[in-house]
Amino acid sequence: MNNHKVMIVDFALNGPQTCFVKFSGYDDELKREFTGMVRFVGELPYGDVIHPAKSELSNSCREFLKNYLIQRYNEGQFHE
């Protein structure tokens, strides 16, 4: 079992449906730290760091990160 970690650094709303989220974390499978940013449009996150073909993270960390961000978004963490 992997022990991936994510910490939200900052977020900014840009219009009624767009939110940018900056984060840092640790990919336990690759044993390295990472930083990144995603853009939420509506309830969906977009960004290279969570894209299956573009991400430098391990698959398990990429999925963990994506699920973590969606969960936090749905809980209202990125709403002012």
Protein backbone atom coordinates (compact mmCIF):
# COMPACT_ATOMS: atom_id res chain seq x y z
CA MET A 1 0.00 0.00 0.00
CA ASN A 2 1.30 3.43 -0.95
CA ASN A 3 1.38 6.41 1.37
CA HIS A 4 0.94 9.26 -1.10
CA LYS A 5 0.59 12.77 0.34
CA VAL A 6 -1.01 15.98 -0.98
CA MET A 7 -1.10 19.48 0.51
CA ILE A 8 -3.14 22.31 -0.98
CA VAL A 9 -0.92 25.39 -1.31
CA ASP A 10 -3.38 27.89 -2.77
CA PHE A 11 -6.45 28.29 -4.94
CA ALA A 12 -8.00 31.10 -6.95
CA LEU A 13 -11.45 31.46 -8.43
CA ASN A 14 -11.60 32.84 -11.96
CA GLY A 15 -15.19 33.41 -12.92
CA PRO A 16 -18.26 31.52 -11.81
CA GLN A 17 -17.14 28.02 -12.89
CA THR A 18 -13.32 28.07 -13.01
CA CYS A 19 -10.96 27.48 -10.12
CA PHE A 20 -7.17 27.01 -10.16
CA VAL A 21 -5.68 24.83 -7.40
CA LYS A 22 -1.96 24.73 -6.60
CA PHE A 23 -0.61 21.82 -4.54
CA SER A 24 2.48 19.91 -3.51
CA GLY A 25 2.86 16.32 -2.47
CA TYR A 26 4.82 13.10 -2.31
CA ASP A 27 4.57 10.16 -4.71
CA ASP A 28 5.33 7.21 -2.44
CA GLU A 29 5.66 4.76 -5.33
CA LEU A 30 8.37 6.85 -7.05
CA LYS A 31 9.75 8.16 -3.73
CA ARG A 32 9.79 11.80 -4.83
CA GLU A 33 8.10 15.10 -4.14
CA PHE A 34 6.00 16.95 -6.70
CA THR A 35 4.23 20.25 -7.21
CA GLY A 36 1.51 21.11 -9.65
CA MET A 37 -1.65 22.94 -10.55
CA VAL A 38 -5.02 21.91 -11.94
CA ARG A 39 -7.90 23.90 -13.27
CA PHE A 40 -11.44 22.97 -12.29
CA VAL A 41 -14.10 23.78 -14.85
CA GLY A 42 -17.41 23.03 -13.25
CA GLU A 43 -16.66 19.97 -11.13
CA LEU A 44 -13.97 18.45 -13.38
CA PRO A 45 -10.21 18.94 -12.88
CA TYR A 46 -7.87 19.41 -15.84
CA GLY A 47 -4.07 19.46 -15.99
CA ASP A 48 -1.02 17.55 -17.18
CA VAL A 49 -0.25 16.31 -13.67
CA ILE A 50 -3.45 14.23 -13.62
CA HIS A 51 -3.56 13.38 -17.35
CA PRO A 52 -2.87 9.64 -17.88
CA ALA A 53 -0.51 10.20 -20.84
CA LYS A 54 1.22 13.38 -19.63
CA SER A 55 1.68 12.95 -15.89
CA GLU A 56 5.11 12.23 -14.42
CA LEU A 57 3.46 10.71 -11.34
CA SER A 58 2.96 7.00 -10.81
CA ASN A 59 -0.49 5.77 -11.85
CA SER A 60 -1.48 5.13 -8.24
CA CYS A 61 -0.41 8.62 -7.14
CA ARG A 62 -2.08 10.28 -10.13
CA GLU A 63 -5.38 8.57 -9.28
CA PHE A 64 -4.96 9.37 -5.57
CA LEU A 65 -4.31 13.04 -6.40
CA LYS A 66 -7.26 13.29 -8.79
CA ASN A 67 -9.65 11.68 -6.30
CA TYR A 68 -8.32 13.83 -3.45
CA LEU A 69 -8.82 17.06 -5.42
CA ILE A 70 -12.32 16.11 -6.57
CA GLN A 71 -13.29 15.18 -3.01
CA ARG A 72 -12.00 18.51 -1.63
CA TYR A 73 -13.75 20.41 -4.43
CA ASN A 74 -17.05 18.65 -3.72
CA GLU A 75 -16.65 19.41 0.00
CA GLY A 76 -16.45 23.12 -0.86
CA GLN A 77 -12.81 23.68 0.10
CA PHE A 78 -12.15 25.78 -3.01
CA HIS A 79 -15.11 28.13 -2.67
CA GLU A 80 -14.61 31.53 -1.08
